[in-house]
Protein backbone atom coordinates (compact mmCIF):
# COMPACT_ATOMS: atom_id res chain seq x y z
CA MET A 1 14.35 -10.19 1.49
CA ASN A 2 12.27 -13.08 0.17
CA ILE A 3 9.71 -12.15 -2.50
CA ILE A 4 7.31 -13.85 -4.90
CA ILE A 5 6.52 -12.45 -8.34
CA VAL A 6 3.12 -13.08 -9.93
CA ASP A 7 2.57 -11.81 -13.48
CA ASP A 8 0.76 -13.44 -16.39
CA ASP A 9 3.53 -12.32 -18.75
CA ARG A 10 6.23 -14.92 -18.19
CA LEU A 11 8.88 -12.80 -19.88
CA VAL A 12 8.11 -9.86 -17.61
CA ALA A 13 8.23 -12.08 -14.52
CA LEU A 14 11.58 -13.61 -15.49
CA SER A 15 13.00 -10.19 -16.35
CA LEU A 16 11.90 -8.87 -12.97
CA LYS A 17 13.50 -11.86 -11.25
CA THR A 18 16.81 -11.31 -13.04
CA ILE A 19 16.88 -7.59 -12.32
CA LEU A 20 15.82 -7.85 -8.69
CA GLU A 21 18.21 -10.68 -7.85
CA ALA A 22 21.07 -8.50 -9.06
CA ASN A 23 20.48 -6.89 -5.67
CA ASN A 24 22.13 -9.15 -3.11
CA ASP A 25 19.44 -8.43 -0.54
CA ILE A 26 16.61 -9.80 -2.69
CA GLN A 27 15.77 -13.43 -3.39
CA VAL A 28 12.86 -14.43 -5.64
CA SER A 29 11.52 -17.68 -4.18
CA ALA A 30 8.91 -18.39 -6.84
CA ILE A 31 7.07 -17.05 -9.88
CA GLY A 32 3.35 -17.42 -10.57
CA LYS A 33 1.11 -16.48 -13.49
CA ASN A 34 -2.31 -15.81 -11.93
CA GLY A 35 -4.18 -15.13 -8.70
CA GLU A 36 -4.75 -18.78 -7.87
CA GLU A 37 -1.03 -19.47 -8.03
CA ALA A 38 -0.39 -16.34 -5.96
CA ILE A 39 -2.50 -17.74 -3.12
CA THR A 40 -0.81 -21.14 -3.22
CA LEU A 41 2.70 -19.69 -3.48
CA TYR A 42 2.08 -17.20 -0.70
CA HIS A 43 1.03 -19.88 1.77
CA THR A 44 3.88 -22.13 0.67
CA TYR A 45 6.73 -19.61 0.86
CA LYS A 46 5.42 -16.93 3.28
CA PRO A 47 7.33 -14.18 1.44
CA ASP A 48 8.34 -10.85 2.91
CA VAL A 49 6.60 -9.24 -0.07
CA LEU A 50 4.22 -10.55 -2.71
CA LEU A 51 4.82 -8.54 -5.90
CA MET A 52 1.79 -8.99 -8.10
CA ASP A 53 0.15 -7.75 -11.29
CA ILE A 54 -3.57 -6.96 -11.27
CA ARG A 55 -5.07 -8.05 -14.60
CA MET A 56 -4.50 -11.78 -14.97
CA GLU A 57 -6.53 -14.68 -16.36
CA THR A 58 -8.43 -17.12 -14.10
CA MET A 59 -8.13 -14.90 -11.02
CA THR A 60 -7.02 -11.28 -10.79
CA GLY A 61 -4.42 -9.95 -8.41
CA LEU A 62 -7.10 -8.05 -6.51
CA GLU A 63 -9.16 -11.21 -6.00
CA ALA A 64 -6.08 -13.07 -4.80
CA ALA A 65 -5.13 -10.25 -2.46
CA GLU A 66 -8.60 -10.26 -0.93
CA GLN A 67 -8.32 -13.96 -0.07
CA ILE A 68 -4.75 -13.72 1.20
CA LEU A 69 -5.42 -10.66 3.37
CA HIS A 70 -8.57 -12.25 4.78
CA GLN A 71 -6.50 -15.16 6.04
CA GLN A 72 -3.29 -13.22 6.68
CA PRO A 73 -4.06 -9.54 7.44
CA ASP A 74 -0.39 -8.65 7.87
CA ALA A 75 0.58 -9.90 4.39
CA ASN A 76 2.74 -7.42 2.47
CA ILE A 77 1.26 -7.14 -1.01
CA LEU A 78 2.68 -4.72 -3.55
CA PHE A 79 0.84 -4.28 -6.85
CA LEU A 80 2.96 -3.62 -9.93
CA THR A 81 0.80 -2.80 -12.93
CA THR A 82 0.58 -0.76 -16.11
CA PHE A 83 -2.94 0.43 -15.25
CA LEU A 84 -3.60 3.70 -13.45
CA ASP A 85 -7.21 2.70 -13.01
CA ASP A 86 -9.26 4.49 -10.34
CA GLU A 87 -11.36 1.43 -9.53
CA TYR A 88 -8.27 -0.75 -9.11
CA ILE A 89 -6.55 1.81 -6.89
CA VAL A 90 -9.55 2.27 -4.61
CA ARG A 91 -10.04 -1.47 -4.24
CA ALA A 92 -6.34 -2.04 -3.52
CA LEU A 93 -6.49 0.62 -0.80
CA HIS A 94 -9.61 -0.83 0.77
CA LEU A 95 -8.22 -4.36 0.71
CA GLY A 96 -5.18 -3.25 2.67
CA ALA A 97 -2.50 -3.69 0.00
CA LYS A 98 0.79 -2.12 1.06
CA GLY A 99 1.53 -0.54 -2.29
CA TYR A 100 0.51 0.24 -5.85
CA ILE A 101 3.15 1.35 -8.33
CA LEU A 102 3.31 1.51 -12.10
CA LYS A 103 5.62 -0.65 -14.18
CA GLN A 104 6.88 2.38 -16.06
CA ASN A 105 8.26 3.69 -12.74
CA PHE A 106 10.55 0.69 -12.49
CA GLU A 107 13.37 2.66 -10.85
CA SER A 108 11.20 2.96 -7.74
CA LEU A 109 10.60 -0.79 -7.44
CA VAL A 110 13.51 -1.79 -5.20
CA PRO A 111 12.98 1.11 -2.77
CA ALA A 112 9.26 0.26 -2.75
CA LEU A 113 9.97 -3.41 -1.95
CA ASN A 114 12.28 -2.40 0.89
CA ALA A 115 9.71 0.00 2.29
CA VAL A 116 6.88 -2.54 2.11
CA ALA A 117 9.04 -5.26 3.69
CA ASN A 118 9.60 -2.84 6.58
CA GLY A 119 5.88 -2.36 7.09
CA GLN A 120 5.43 0.90 5.22
CA SER A 121 2.87 1.68 2.54
CA VAL A 122 4.02 2.85 -0.88
CA PHE A 123 1.74 4.52 -3.39
CA GLY A 124 3.15 6.58 -6.24
CA SER A 125 2.66 10.33 -6.19
CA GLU A 126 0.47 10.06 -9.28
CA ILE A 127 -1.88 7.90 -7.21
CA ILE A 128 -1.88 9.85 -3.93
CA THR A 129 -2.62 13.13 -5.72
CA ARG A 130 -5.71 11.57 -7.29
CA LEU A 131 -7.27 10.43 -4.03
CA PRO A 132 -9.55 13.47 -3.70
CA ASP A 133 -10.85 12.95 -7.24
CA PHE A 134 -11.90 9.32 -7.15
CA LEU A 135 -12.84 8.57 -3.55
CA ASN A 136 -16.50 9.15 -2.80
CA SER A 137 -17.13 11.66 -0.05
CA THR A 138 -19.86 11.13 2.50
CA SER A 139 -21.33 13.47 5.08
CA HIS A 140 -18.91 15.29 7.36
CA PHE A 141 -17.41 12.93 9.92
CA ASP A 142 -17.57 13.83 13.60
CA TYR A 143 -13.98 13.14 14.66
CA THR A 144 -14.71 14.19 18.24
CA SER A 145 -17.00 11.17 18.56
CA LYS A 146 -13.85 9.04 18.23
CA GLY A 147 -11.89 11.13 20.70
CA ILE A 148 -9.87 12.88 17.98
CA THR A 149 -8.51 16.22 19.20
CA GLU A 150 -8.20 19.41 17.16
CA LYS A 151 -4.45 18.91 16.84
CA GLU A 152 -4.97 15.34 15.66
CA GLN A 153 -7.43 16.59 13.04
CA GLU A 154 -4.74 18.95 11.76
CA ILE A 155 -2.34 16.03 11.46
CA ILE A 156 -4.95 13.92 9.64
CA GLU A 157 -5.42 16.67 7.05
CA LEU A 158 -1.66 17.03 6.51
CA VAL A 159 -1.24 13.26 6.15
CA ALA A 160 -4.02 13.31 3.55
CA GLU A 161 -2.11 16.02 1.68
CA GLY A 162 0.85 13.63 1.46
CA LEU A 163 3.19 15.31 3.96
CA SER A 164 5.82 13.20 5.73
CA ASN A 165 6.19 13.13 9.51
CA ARG A 166 9.14 15.51 9.22
CA GLU A 167 7.17 17.97 7.11
CA ILE A 168 4.21 17.80 9.50
CA ALA A 169 6.54 18.38 12.45
CA GLY A 170 8.00 21.45 10.76
CA GLN A 171 4.61 22.89 9.88
CA LEU A 172 3.10 22.36 13.34
CA TYR A 173 6.29 23.14 15.30
CA LEU A 174 6.42 19.67 16.83
CA SER A 175 9.13 17.03 17.03
CA GLU A 176 8.97 14.05 14.68
CA GLY A 177 8.58 11.78 17.70
CA THR A 178 5.54 13.75 18.83
CA VAL A 179 4.02 13.50 15.36
CA ARG A 180 4.60 9.73 15.36
CA ASN A 181 2.90 9.47 18.74
CA TYR A 182 -0.05 11.52 17.52
CA LEU A 183 -0.31 9.35 14.41
CA SER A 184 -0.25 6.12 16.42
CA SER A 185 -3.03 7.47 18.63
CA ILE A 186 -5.10 8.52 15.60
CA LEU A 187 -4.77 5.14 13.91
CA GLU A 188 -5.77 3.36 17.11
CA LYS A 189 -8.82 5.57 17.64
CA LEU A 190 -10.01 5.14 14.06
CA THR A 191 -9.05 1.42 13.90
CA LEU A 192 -6.85 1.97 10.84
CA ARG A 193 -3.64 0.22 9.84
CA ASP A 194 -1.42 2.95 8.41
CA ARG A 195 -1.21 6.50 7.05
CA THR A 196 -2.42 5.48 3.59
CA GLN A 197 -5.65 4.08 5.02
CA LEU A 198 -5.90 7.28 7.08
CA ALA A 199 -5.70 9.38 3.89
CA VAL A 200 -8.41 7.24 2.29
CA PHE A 201 -10.56 7.60 5.42
CA TYR A 202 -10.15 11.37 5.39
CA TYR A 203 -11.25 11.78 1.78
CA GLN A 204 -14.18 9.42 2.27
CA HIS A 205 -15.45 11.37 5.26
CA ARG A 206 -14.92 14.99 4.30
């Protein structure tokens, strides 16, 4: 897996590089110190994952992510920060970042990188559980107008609660494959990318 690290603390970036490259499956192609360098390095190296801090001088990680994702919507961007800031989390979700984890949860970094490289979204439990508190709700959304069935609405609610496909299958007495099919249909109908965006959508439209 080819990754790029962008952090304005050079010591942190080098330490991350050393630790991550101890894993034979990870290669750090480049290190940057701000959002502008993140954009340049991303287009130069086309990494599997861009691992990036948020608060940086000149250009923030969020600003860089917005530009990168505008040009490359399938870019895998994982934010690694010390700040559990509601505004940052919401913006990262809306931009389409694949993950947001805290530096103090370093033991989850390698699994998070692997998950993001494989197209999954990774947001720490401390972030997912706060979604109902900091996402603004609007008027009740008419899911039937998008062709969403009653069963699909049940699945949407369970996804928003943080349940995995296996847990949803067990609760609704379905197979995991059936749940995956339902989820694919839901995402297509609502024009969403993944289950994290679906959770955000649910809480915004309660």
